[in-house]
Amino acid sequence: MMKNNLLGNIRRTACVLMGFLVILIAYISYVQVIEQDFLKGHPLNRRNIEAASSIQRGQILDRNGDKLATNLPNKDEKGRFKREYPLGRMTTHIVGYDSLQYGKSGIESSYNGYLSGMSNLSRSFGPFTRLWQENAGNDVVLTIDSSLQATAYQALGNHRGAVVVIDPRTGAILSMVSKPSFDPAELASQWQSISSAADAPLLNRATQGLYPPGSIIKVMVAEAALSKRITSPNSSFDCSGTLPIGRDYTLSEDKQTAHGHLSLKEALAVSCNITFGRLSLELGRNNMEDVFEKYGFQKPLTTDLQESACQLPKFNSLSDGDLAQLGIGQTSLLVTPLRMAVLAEVFANHGVIMKPFLVQRVVTPDGTVIEQNQPQQWLSPANPGLANLVAEMMVEAVANGTGGAAQIRGIKVAGKTGTAENPHGASHAWFIGFAPADNPQIAVAVIIENGGSGGGVAAPVARKIFTQALH
């Protein structure tokens, strides 16, 4: 009896140990096979850090081959190639930085595996790769145009804010600026002041800043109302300057300006809050939720850009007053400038959103292209006819409305301004638009924090960008 119990215990123990062994083998196999690409290119992989001293890190280039990140010819005191950023603070939030002490950010982080050469096929064989190790990483070519980047950076002046410029035909990001910025070359010497600054220069406002969109959201509301046949291009609206909603709330125009009788095109041109508050109420909570879903506000654009998730209200619990406010881009709605550039893209590209991308290709030291990003359609939220109709309204907003400061002689510009109320200070100034309106080549989103009037502050910034891009 005792012998049988002993044998049973041995068998049970052996089964448990075998089970643990199977789990261990499965886990090691998972790490080696499934996770190998992620782990071998991870910025915190010690093998990568040690190999960096003997590998010349790949360059980061703009679409024309201009250097955005490269290496100095001499190694530093630790025997490591020192990184150089020719455009300095103008491209910091795109390119990022590469620091032994403070880590990596931007493309330096997300494409570290390629830049360090650790994502190359031969690296999969671990320490044996030292037998045939390359002495240089791969170059990463971006879609950015450095001259347009410089224009956008200078156009923002001393304002805090962001600019995103996209080719609506392809989704290629031509410029992405965030201010304030910092020089990556000064990171080590000024880390304390940079990391603790009240104006958050480490934050990429273009992709991670969250703001109420204000009136620029009205282009989407206009399309939704037309799509649901809540209104038509021939509909007439009456604006007395105020709109009582329920017992205790009144939606108002700025300074309670009364716009009188106006069409939908005129309402968008003068940014009539009363008209779009009414349209939001008529669309209702379910339709408004469907619209935000249709335009992709709840879907990530791409992991490369590390965009903050948009914050949408709980639609089913919105009061009538909040629902009307949502129609003019207020309430708890928060979006990124990148997302608003994508919204402009809808009306520049006949209702289609091309997926935004920042990396054009990855090239080995011998010139072989090992990764190539091609334009791809992401969503089709709007009927082409309705998208074109809203585009015509946006042309009117620039020609005869609040976006007049974005006008360019000889070029038809489409746009929409926004002045988004901000509970923490002065209103944020917005502009979204595209040009030429009859053959769009670029779509733009501009935000200036606490800038006040979108037409007075953000639209002139967009004008400078359009002028540089199209001339």
Protein backbone atom coordinates (compact mmCIF):
# COMPACT_ATOMS: atom_id res chain seq x y z
CA MET A 1 0.00 0.00 0.00
CA MET A 2 2.79 2.40 0.97
CA LYS A 3 4.73 1.42 -2.15
CA ASN A 4 1.73 2.22 -4.37
CA ASN A 5 1.29 5.63 -2.71
CA LEU A 6 4.97 6.39 -3.23
CA LEU A 7 4.82 5.43 -6.92
CA GLY A 8 1.67 7.51 -7.33
CA ASN A 9 3.32 10.53 -5.76
CA ILE A 10 6.36 10.10 -8.02
CA ARG A 11 4.14 9.91 -11.10
CA ARG A 12 2.16 12.98 -10.07
CA THR A 13 5.35 14.92 -9.34
CA ALA A 14 6.83 13.84 -12.69
CA CYS A 15 3.65 14.97 -14.49
CA VAL A 16 3.76 18.36 -12.78
CA LEU A 17 7.46 18.79 -13.66
CA MET A 18 6.80 17.72 -17.24
CA GLY A 19 3.92 20.20 -17.38
CA PHE A 20 6.21 22.99 -16.23
CA LEU A 21 8.80 21.92 -18.79
CA VAL A 22 6.21 22.01 -21.61
CA ILE A 23 5.11 25.49 -20.49
CA LEU A 24 8.74 26.67 -20.40
CA ILE A 25 9.45 25.27 -23.87
CA ALA A 26 6.26 26.86 -25.21
CA TYR A 27 7.16 30.22 -23.69
CA ILE A 28 10.74 30.13 -25.02
CA SER A 29 9.42 29.16 -28.45
CA TYR A 30 6.93 32.01 -28.34
CA VAL A 31 9.66 34.52 -27.42
CA GLN A 32 12.09 33.18 -30.04
CA VAL A 33 9.60 32.91 -32.90
CA ILE A 34 6.65 35.25 -32.33
CA GLU A 35 8.29 38.06 -30.35
CA GLN A 36 11.74 38.01 -31.94
CA ASP A 37 11.17 40.99 -34.25
CA PHE A 38 9.83 43.11 -31.40
CA LEU A 39 12.53 42.15 -28.90
CA LYS A 40 15.55 42.32 -31.16
CA GLY A 41 14.65 45.86 -32.20
CA HIS A 42 13.51 47.12 -28.79
CA PRO A 43 15.37 50.23 -27.55
CA LEU A 44 15.90 48.62 -24.11
CA ASN A 45 17.50 45.44 -25.48
CA ARG A 46 20.97 45.39 -23.85
CA ARG A 47 22.46 43.63 -26.87
CA ASN A 48 21.44 46.60 -29.02
CA ILE A 49 22.95 49.08 -26.59
CA GLU A 50 26.25 47.20 -26.45
CA ALA A 51 26.36 46.80 -30.22
CA ALA A 52 25.76 50.54 -30.74
CA SER A 53 29.40 51.30 -29.96
CA SER A 54 30.55 49.32 -32.98
CA ILE A 55 27.67 50.03 -35.41
CA GLN A 56 27.21 53.31 -37.22
CA ARG A 57 23.53 54.10 -36.72
CA GLY A 58 21.51 54.60 -39.90
CA GLN A 59 20.50 58.06 -41.03
CA ILE A 60 17.02 59.58 -40.99
CA LEU A 61 16.34 61.46 -44.24
CA ASP A 62 13.53 63.60 -45.59
CA ARG A 63 11.72 62.81 -48.86
CA ASN A 64 14.39 64.66 -50.86
CA GLY A 65 17.37 63.02 -49.16
CA ASP A 66 18.13 65.90 -46.78
CA LYS A 67 19.62 64.68 -43.50
CA LEU A 68 17.42 64.93 -40.41
CA ALA A 69 19.57 62.68 -38.22
CA THR A 70 23.09 61.51 -38.99
CA ASN A 71 26.37 60.67 -37.27
CA LEU A 72 29.42 62.77 -36.53
CA PRO A 73 32.60 61.30 -38.08
CA ASN A 74 34.30 60.81 -34.69
CA LYS A 75 33.18 58.59 -31.82
CA ASP A 76 32.60 60.00 -28.34
CA GLU A 77 34.66 59.21 -25.25
CA LYS A 78 32.71 55.97 -24.76
CA GLY A 79 33.57 54.75 -28.25
CA ARG A 80 30.04 55.38 -29.52
CA PHE A 81 29.07 57.20 -32.68
CA LYS A 82 27.62 60.56 -31.70
CA ARG A 83 24.27 61.58 -33.22
CA GLU A 84 23.78 64.88 -35.03
CA TYR A 85 20.46 66.58 -35.91
CA PRO A 86 21.05 69.16 -38.69
CA LEU A 87 17.61 70.83 -38.39
CA GLY A 88 17.71 70.88 -34.60
CA ARG A 89 14.50 71.80 -32.85
CA MET A 90 12.49 72.07 -36.10
CA THR A 91 12.21 68.28 -36.44
CA THR A 92 12.66 67.13 -32.83
CA HIS A 93 9.14 65.77 -32.35
CA ILE A 94 9.30 63.75 -35.57
CA VAL A 95 12.87 62.48 -35.53
CA GLY A 96 13.17 62.24 -31.75
CA TYR A 97 16.45 61.69 -29.92
CA ASP A 98 18.84 58.84 -29.14
CA SER A 99 20.40 59.01 -25.68
CA LEU A 100 22.08 56.35 -23.54
CA GLN A 101 20.93 58.19 -20.42
CA TYR A 102 17.43 59.30 -21.39
CA GLY A 103 16.43 56.69 -23.95
CA LYS A 104 14.88 57.30 -27.35
CA SER A 105 11.85 59.00 -28.82
CA GLY A 106 10.20 59.61 -32.19
CA ILE A 107 11.51 57.73 -35.22
CA GLU A 108 14.75 57.08 -33.32
CA SER A 109 12.65 54.90 -31.01
CA SER A 110 9.93 53.42 -33.23
CA TYR A 111 12.43 52.48 -35.99
CA ASN A 112 15.32 51.70 -33.65
CA GLY A 113 15.54 48.11 -34.89
CA TYR A 114 16.14 49.26 -38.45
CA LEU A 115 18.42 52.18 -37.58
CA SER A 116 20.61 50.01 -35.37
CA GLY A 117 20.60 47.14 -37.88
CA MET A 118 19.07 44.83 -35.26
CA SER A 119 16.01 44.09 -37.37
CA ASN A 120 18.07 42.63 -40.20
CA LEU A 121 17.48 38.94 -40.86
CA SER A 122 21.00 37.92 -39.76
CA ARG A 123 20.34 39.37 -36.30
CA SER A 124 17.92 36.54 -35.59
CA PHE A 125 20.89 34.24 -34.93
CA GLY A 126 21.90 36.06 -31.76
CA PRO A 127 25.59 36.17 -30.74
CA PHE A 128 26.62 34.30 -33.91
CA THR A 129 25.85 37.47 -35.88
CA ARG A 130 29.13 38.94 -34.64
CA LEU A 131 30.85 36.63 -37.13
CA TRP A 132 29.36 38.61 -40.07
CA GLN A 133 28.16 41.79 -38.34
CA GLU A 134 27.48 44.85 -40.50
CA ASN A 135 29.15 48.07 -39.39
CA ALA A 136 26.17 50.30 -40.24
CA GLY A 137 22.43 50.36 -39.64
CA ASN A 138 19.71 51.05 -42.19
CA ASP A 139 18.59 54.48 -43.36
CA VAL A 140 14.98 55.54 -42.78
CA VAL A 141 13.48 57.87 -45.41
CA LEU A 142 10.52 59.97 -44.25
CA THR A 143 7.70 61.61 -46.19
CA ILE A 144 8.60 64.97 -44.60
CA ASP A 145 9.65 67.89 -46.80
CA SER A 146 12.30 69.78 -44.81
CA SER A 147 11.67 73.11 -46.57
CA LEU A 148 7.94 72.90 -45.80
CA GLN A 149 8.81 71.84 -42.26
CA ALA A 150 10.92 74.99 -41.86
CA THR A 151 8.10 77.16 -43.20
CA ALA A 152 5.54 75.64 -40.81
CA TYR A 153 7.92 75.98 -37.87
CA GLN A 154 8.62 79.64 -38.63
CA ALA A 155 4.96 80.38 -39.35
CA LEU A 156 3.99 79.33 -35.81
CA GLY A 157 6.33 82.01 -34.47
CA ASN A 158 6.45 82.15 -30.68
CA HIS A 159 3.05 80.52 -30.24
CA ARG A 160 2.47 77.20 -28.53
CA GLY A 161 0.71 74.87 -30.90
CA ALA A 162 1.04 72.47 -33.79
CA VAL A 163 0.82 72.12 -37.56
CA VAL A 164 0.14 68.98 -39.59
CA VAL A 165 0.37 68.95 -43.39
CA ILE A 166 -0.81 65.89 -45.37
CA ASP A 167 -0.95 65.03 -49.05
CA PRO A 168 -4.66 64.06 -49.22
CA ARG A 169 -4.08 61.97 -52.34
CA THR A 170 -1.68 59.57 -50.60
CA GLY A 171 -1.81 60.17 -46.84
CA ALA A 172 1.90 61.10 -46.78
CA ILE A 173 2.68 63.53 -43.95
CA LEU A 174 4.63 66.42 -45.48
CA SER A 175 5.17 68.41 -42.30
CA MET A 176 4.48 67.97 -38.60
CA VAL A 177 5.50 70.72 -36.20
CA SER A 178 5.02 71.07 -32.46
CA LYS A 179 5.96 74.09 -30.36
CA PRO A 180 7.63 74.68 -28.00
CA SER A 181 10.47 72.42 -29.00
CA PHE A 182 14.07 71.79 -27.97
CA ASP A 183 17.38 70.97 -29.61
CA PRO A 184 18.18 67.24 -29.25
CA ALA A 185 21.88 68.14 -29.13
CA GLU A 186 21.21 69.95 -25.83
CA LEU A 187 19.24 67.11 -24.26
CA ALA A 188 22.03 65.87 -21.96
CA SER A 189 23.08 69.31 -20.74
CA GLN A 190 19.56 70.70 -20.31
CA TRP A 191 17.46 67.65 -19.43
CA GLN A 192 16.33 69.02 -16.08
CA SER A 193 14.98 72.27 -17.51
CA ILE A 194 13.50 70.57 -20.60
CA SER A 195 11.73 67.81 -18.67
CA SER A 196 10.33 70.12 -15.98
CA ALA A 197 9.32 73.09 -18.16
CA ALA A 198 5.73 74.24 -17.62
CA ASP A 199 5.09 74.50 -21.37
CA ALA A 200 5.97 70.79 -21.90
CA PRO A 201 8.45 70.90 -24.82
CA LEU A 202 8.75 67.08 -24.71
CA LEU A 203 5.09 66.76 -25.72
CA ASN A 204 4.42 66.27 -29.43
CA ARG A 205 1.32 68.43 -29.62
CA ALA A 206 0.63 67.35 -33.22
CA THR A 207 -0.10 63.75 -32.24
CA GLN A 208 -0.41 63.76 -28.45
CA GLY A 209 -2.01 67.10 -27.67
CA LEU A 210 -5.76 66.84 -26.99
CA TYR A 211 -7.94 69.90 -27.62
CA PRO A 212 -11.61 70.77 -28.10
CA PRO A 213 -12.03 71.21 -31.87
CA GLY A 214 -14.51 74.07 -31.75
CA SER A 215 -16.10 75.13 -35.02
CA ILE A 216 -13.87 73.12 -37.34
CA ILE A 217 -16.04 70.11 -36.48
CA LYS A 218 -18.94 71.83 -38.26
CA VAL A 219 -17.76 70.52 -41.64
CA MET A 220 -18.44 66.99 -40.41
CA VAL A 221 -21.80 67.99 -38.91
CA ALA A 222 -22.78 69.61 -42.21
CA GLU A 223 -22.00 66.43 -44.15
CA ALA A 224 -23.84 64.29 -41.59
CA ALA A 225 -26.94 66.49 -41.72
CA LEU A 226 -26.95 66.36 -45.52
CA SER A 227 -26.37 62.61 -45.50
CA LYS A 228 -29.25 62.00 -43.07
CA ARG A 229 -31.42 64.47 -45.00
CA ILE A 230 -31.89 66.60 -41.92
CA THR A 231 -31.16 69.53 -44.20
CA SER A 232 -30.40 70.30 -47.85
CA PRO A 233 -28.27 72.83 -49.74
CA ASN A 234 -31.45 74.86 -50.33
CA SER A 235 -32.56 74.91 -46.69
CA SER A 236 -32.90 78.25 -44.94
CA PHE A 237 -31.98 78.89 -41.32
CA ASP A 238 -32.77 81.75 -38.97
CA CYS A 239 -30.24 82.96 -36.42
CA SER A 240 -31.32 85.48 -33.79
CA GLY A 241 -28.05 85.18 -31.88
CA THR A 242 -29.39 82.87 -29.18
CA LEU A 243 -31.06 79.46 -29.00
CA PRO A 244 -32.89 78.58 -25.75
CA ILE A 245 -32.61 74.86 -25.00
CA GLY A 246 -34.74 73.46 -22.21
CA ARG A 247 -35.37 75.50 -19.10
CA ASP A 248 -31.89 76.51 -18.05
CA TYR A 249 -29.56 76.66 -21.05
CA THR A 250 -29.13 79.01 -24.00
CA LEU A 251 -26.71 78.47 -26.87
CA SER A 252 -25.26 81.79 -28.03
CA GLU A 253 -23.28 83.30 -30.85
CA ASP A 254 -20.13 85.21 -30.02
CA LYS A 255 -21.37 88.54 -28.62
CA GLN A 256 -24.87 87.23 -29.42
CA THR A 257 -24.45 88.32 -33.06
CA ALA A 258 -27.62 87.67 -35.07
CA HIS A 259 -26.88 86.28 -38.54
CA GLY A 260 -30.51 86.46 -39.67
CA HIS A 261 -31.68 84.29 -42.59
CA LEU A 262 -28.93 82.19 -44.18
CA SER A 263 -28.30 79.01 -46.18
CA LEU A 264 -26.18 76.08 -45.00
CA LYS A 265 -23.24 77.35 -47.07
CA GLU A 266 -23.56 80.80 -45.51
CA ALA A 267 -23.94 79.29 -42.05
CA LEU A 268 -20.65 77.42 -42.45
CA ALA A 269 -18.93 80.48 -43.92
CA VAL A 270 -19.83 82.69 -40.94
CA SER A 271 -19.58 79.74 -38.50
CA CYS A 272 -23.12 80.11 -37.16
CA ASN A 273 -23.39 78.32 -33.80
CA ILE A 274 -27.18 78.47 -33.76
CA THR A 275 -27.49 76.63 -37.09
CA PHE A 276 -25.09 73.84 -36.17
CA GLY A 277 -26.45 73.52 -32.64
CA ARG A 278 -29.88 72.95 -34.17
CA LEU A 279 -28.52 70.44 -36.70
CA SER A 280 -26.86 68.46 -33.91
CA LEU A 281 -30.12 68.38 -31.94
CA GLU A 282 -32.01 67.19 -35.03
CA LEU A 283 -29.41 64.52 -35.77
CA GLY A 284 -29.77 63.23 -32.20
CA ARG A 285 -27.45 61.30 -29.94
CA ASN A 286 -27.39 58.03 -31.89
CA ASN A 287 -26.71 59.66 -35.24
CA MET A 288 -23.97 61.84 -33.78
CA GLU A 289 -22.31 58.79 -32.25
CA ASP A 290 -22.55 56.99 -35.61
CA VAL A 291 -20.94 59.97 -37.37
CA PHE A 292 -17.91 59.99 -35.07
CA GLU A 293 -17.61 56.24 -35.55
CA LYS A 294 -17.90 56.55 -39.34
CA TYR A 295 -15.12 59.16 -39.46
CA GLY A 296 -12.81 56.88 -37.46
CA PHE A 297 -12.54 58.88 -34.24
CA GLN A 298 -12.54 55.69 -32.18
CA LYS A 299 -9.95 53.90 -34.36
CA PRO A 300 -6.17 54.28 -34.11
CA LEU A 301 -4.63 55.77 -37.24
CA THR A 302 -1.23 54.06 -37.06
CA THR A 303 1.13 52.89 -34.33
CA ASP A 304 4.13 54.70 -35.87
CA LEU A 305 2.66 58.10 -35.03
CA GLN A 306 1.84 57.24 -31.41
CA GLU A 307 -1.33 59.35 -31.47
CA SER A 308 -3.27 59.96 -28.27
CA ALA A 309 -6.76 58.47 -28.40
CA CYS A 310 -9.51 61.02 -29.02
CA GLN A 311 -11.84 61.60 -26.08
CA LEU A 312 -15.49 61.34 -27.05
CA PRO A 313 -18.47 62.13 -24.81
CA LYS A 314 -20.87 59.48 -23.56
CA PHE A 315 -23.46 60.11 -26.24
CA ASN A 316 -26.41 58.40 -24.55
CA SER A 317 -26.05 60.57 -21.45
CA LEU A 318 -25.69 63.95 -23.18
CA SER A 319 -28.22 66.59 -22.19
CA ASP A 320 -29.85 68.59 -24.98
CA GLY A 321 -27.57 71.51 -24.17
CA ASP A 322 -24.46 69.31 -24.39
CA LEU A 323 -25.71 67.76 -27.64
CA ALA A 324 -26.06 71.23 -29.18
CA GLN A 325 -22.58 72.11 -27.87
CA LEU A 326 -21.19 68.96 -29.50
CA GLY A 327 -22.44 70.27 -32.85
CA ILE A 328 -20.08 73.24 -32.47
CA GLY A 329 -17.12 71.16 -31.23
CA GLN A 330 -17.39 71.80 -27.50
CA THR A 331 -18.45 69.67 -24.44
CA SER A 332 -15.97 66.95 -23.42
CA LEU A 333 -14.83 66.23 -27.00
CA LEU A 334 -11.02 66.31 -27.36
CA VAL A 335 -9.03 65.62 -30.53
CA THR A 336 -5.47 65.80 -31.85
CA PRO A 337 -4.29 68.17 -34.63
CA LEU A 338 -3.35 65.09 -36.67
CA ARG A 339 -6.95 63.89 -36.49
CA MET A 340 -8.19 67.27 -37.70
CA ALA A 341 -5.81 67.20 -40.67
CA VAL A 342 -7.37 63.82 -41.50
CA LEU A 343 -10.82 65.42 -41.25
CA ALA A 344 -9.78 68.05 -43.80
CA GLU A 345 -8.51 65.22 -46.00
CA VAL A 346 -12.05 63.79 -46.28
CA PHE A 347 -13.30 66.86 -48.15
CA ALA A 348 -10.11 67.29 -50.16
CA ASN A 349 -10.24 63.69 -51.38
CA HIS A 350 -13.90 63.25 -52.38
CA GLY A 351 -14.95 61.53 -49.14
CA VAL A 352 -11.97 59.16 -48.81
CA ILE A 353 -9.36 59.08 -46.04
CA MET A 354 -5.96 57.79 -47.06
CA LYS A 355 -4.09 56.30 -44.11
CA PRO A 356 -1.51 58.81 -42.81
CA PHE A 357 2.09 57.62 -42.88
CA LEU A 358 5.43 59.18 -42.00
CA VAL A 359 8.00 56.62 -43.18
CA GLN A 360 8.44 56.23 -46.92
CA ARG A 361 11.02 53.43 -47.00
CA VAL A 362 13.88 51.72 -45.16
CA VAL A 363 17.14 51.23 -47.07
CA THR A 364 20.15 49.04 -46.20
CA PRO A 365 23.73 50.37 -46.43
CA ASP A 366 24.09 48.75 -49.87
CA GLY A 367 20.94 50.52 -51.17
CA THR A 368 18.47 47.64 -50.92
CA VAL A 369 14.93 48.70 -50.00
CA ILE A 370 13.74 46.38 -47.23
CA GLU A 371 10.51 48.17 -46.35
CA GLN A 372 8.34 50.38 -48.55
CA ASN A 373 5.12 52.03 -47.42
CA GLN A 374 2.52 52.46 -50.14
CA PRO A 375 -0.56 54.72 -50.03
CA GLN A 376 -3.60 52.85 -48.79
CA GLN A 377 -7.21 53.79 -48.34
CA TRP A 378 -8.33 53.81 -44.71
CA LEU A 379 -11.98 54.88 -44.61
CA SER A 380 -14.69 56.29 -46.88
CA PRO A 381 -16.89 58.19 -44.42
CA ALA A 382 -18.61 60.53 -46.87
CA ASN A 383 -20.45 60.18 -50.15
CA PRO A 384 -18.28 61.80 -52.89
CA GLY A 385 -21.06 64.16 -53.93
CA LEU A 386 -21.70 65.37 -50.40
CA ALA A 387 -17.97 65.64 -49.66
CA ASN A 388 -17.56 67.86 -52.71
CA LEU A 389 -20.56 69.93 -51.66
CA VAL A 390 -19.03 70.58 -48.22
CA ALA A 391 -15.73 71.37 -49.94
CA GLU A 392 -17.53 74.11 -51.89
CA MET A 393 -18.86 75.46 -48.59
CA MET A 394 -15.30 75.52 -47.23
CA VAL A 395 -14.23 77.53 -50.29
CA GLU A 396 -16.96 80.04 -49.43
CA ALA A 397 -15.70 80.19 -45.82
CA VAL A 398 -12.31 81.38 -47.09
CA ALA A 399 -13.57 83.56 -49.93
CA ASN A 400 -16.34 85.37 -48.03
CA GLY A 401 -16.31 84.09 -44.45
CA THR A 402 -14.21 83.71 -41.32
CA GLY A 403 -11.25 82.13 -43.16
CA GLY A 404 -10.41 85.16 -45.31
CA ALA A 405 -6.87 85.40 -43.91
CA ALA A 406 -6.02 82.10 -45.66
CA GLN A 407 -6.69 83.50 -49.14
CA ILE A 408 -3.95 83.31 -51.79
CA ARG A 409 -4.10 85.30 -55.00
CA GLY A 410 -4.66 83.04 -57.98
CA ILE A 411 -5.29 79.90 -55.90
CA LYS A 412 -8.67 78.76 -54.62
CA VAL A 413 -8.40 77.74 -50.94
CA ALA A 414 -10.94 75.73 -48.92
CA GLY A 415 -10.99 75.99 -45.16
CA LYS A 416 -12.78 76.29 -41.84
CA THR A 417 -11.77 78.29 -38.80
CA GLY A 418 -12.43 77.46 -35.17
CA THR A 419 -12.26 79.29 -31.87
CA ALA A 420 -12.48 76.58 -29.23
CA GLU A 421 -13.41 77.56 -25.71
CA ASN A 422 -10.88 76.35 -23.17
CA PRO A 423 -11.68 76.08 -19.44
CA HIS A 424 -8.01 76.65 -18.57
CA GLY A 425 -7.54 80.01 -20.28
CA ALA A 426 -8.05 81.87 -23.55
CA SER A 427 -9.67 80.06 -26.47
CA HIS A 428 -7.61 77.91 -28.83
CA ALA A 429 -7.36 79.07 -32.46
CA TRP A 430 -7.92 76.47 -35.22
CA PHE A 431 -7.81 76.30 -38.99
CA ILE A 432 -8.24 73.28 -41.24
CA GLY A 433 -8.27 73.37 -45.01
CA PHE A 434 -6.78 72.33 -48.32
CA ALA A 435 -5.53 73.81 -51.59
CA PRO A 436 -5.86 74.19 -54.49
CA ALA A 437 -9.54 73.57 -53.84
CA ASP A 438 -10.17 72.31 -57.38
CA ASN A 439 -7.16 69.94 -57.32
CA PRO A 440 -6.06 69.49 -53.70
CA GLN A 441 -2.38 68.77 -53.13
CA ILE A 442 -2.09 69.50 -49.42
CA ALA A 443 -4.44 69.42 -46.44
CA VAL A 444 -3.54 71.39 -43.32
CA ALA A 445 -4.49 71.57 -39.65
CA VAL A 446 -3.22 74.43 -37.48
CA ILE A 447 -3.84 74.96 -33.77
CA ILE A 448 -2.51 77.80 -31.66
CA GLU A 449 -3.00 77.32 -27.95
CA ASN A 450 -4.81 80.23 -26.28
CA GLY A 451 -4.57 82.04 -29.61
CA GLY A 452 -8.14 83.33 -29.61
CA SER A 453 -9.61 83.79 -33.07
CA GLY A 454 -8.99 81.01 -35.57
CA GLY A 455 -9.60 83.39 -38.46
CA GLY A 456 -7.26 86.02 -37.06
CA VAL A 457 -4.40 83.83 -35.82
CA ALA A 458 -4.47 80.29 -37.26
CA ALA A 459 -5.61 81.07 -40.83
CA PRO A 460 -2.57 83.31 -41.58
CA VAL A 461 -0.28 80.44 -40.52
CA ALA A 462 -2.06 78.13 -42.96
CA ARG A 463 -1.71 80.75 -45.70
CA LYS A 464 2.08 80.78 -45.35
CA ILE A 465 2.17 76.99 -45.56
CA PHE A 466 -0.09 76.89 -48.64
CA THR A 467 2.03 79.54 -50.32
CA GLN A 468 5.30 77.65 -49.72
CA ALA A 469 3.85 74.28 -50.75
CA LEU A 470 2.17 75.47 -53.94
CA HIS A 471 4.76 77.91 -55.21
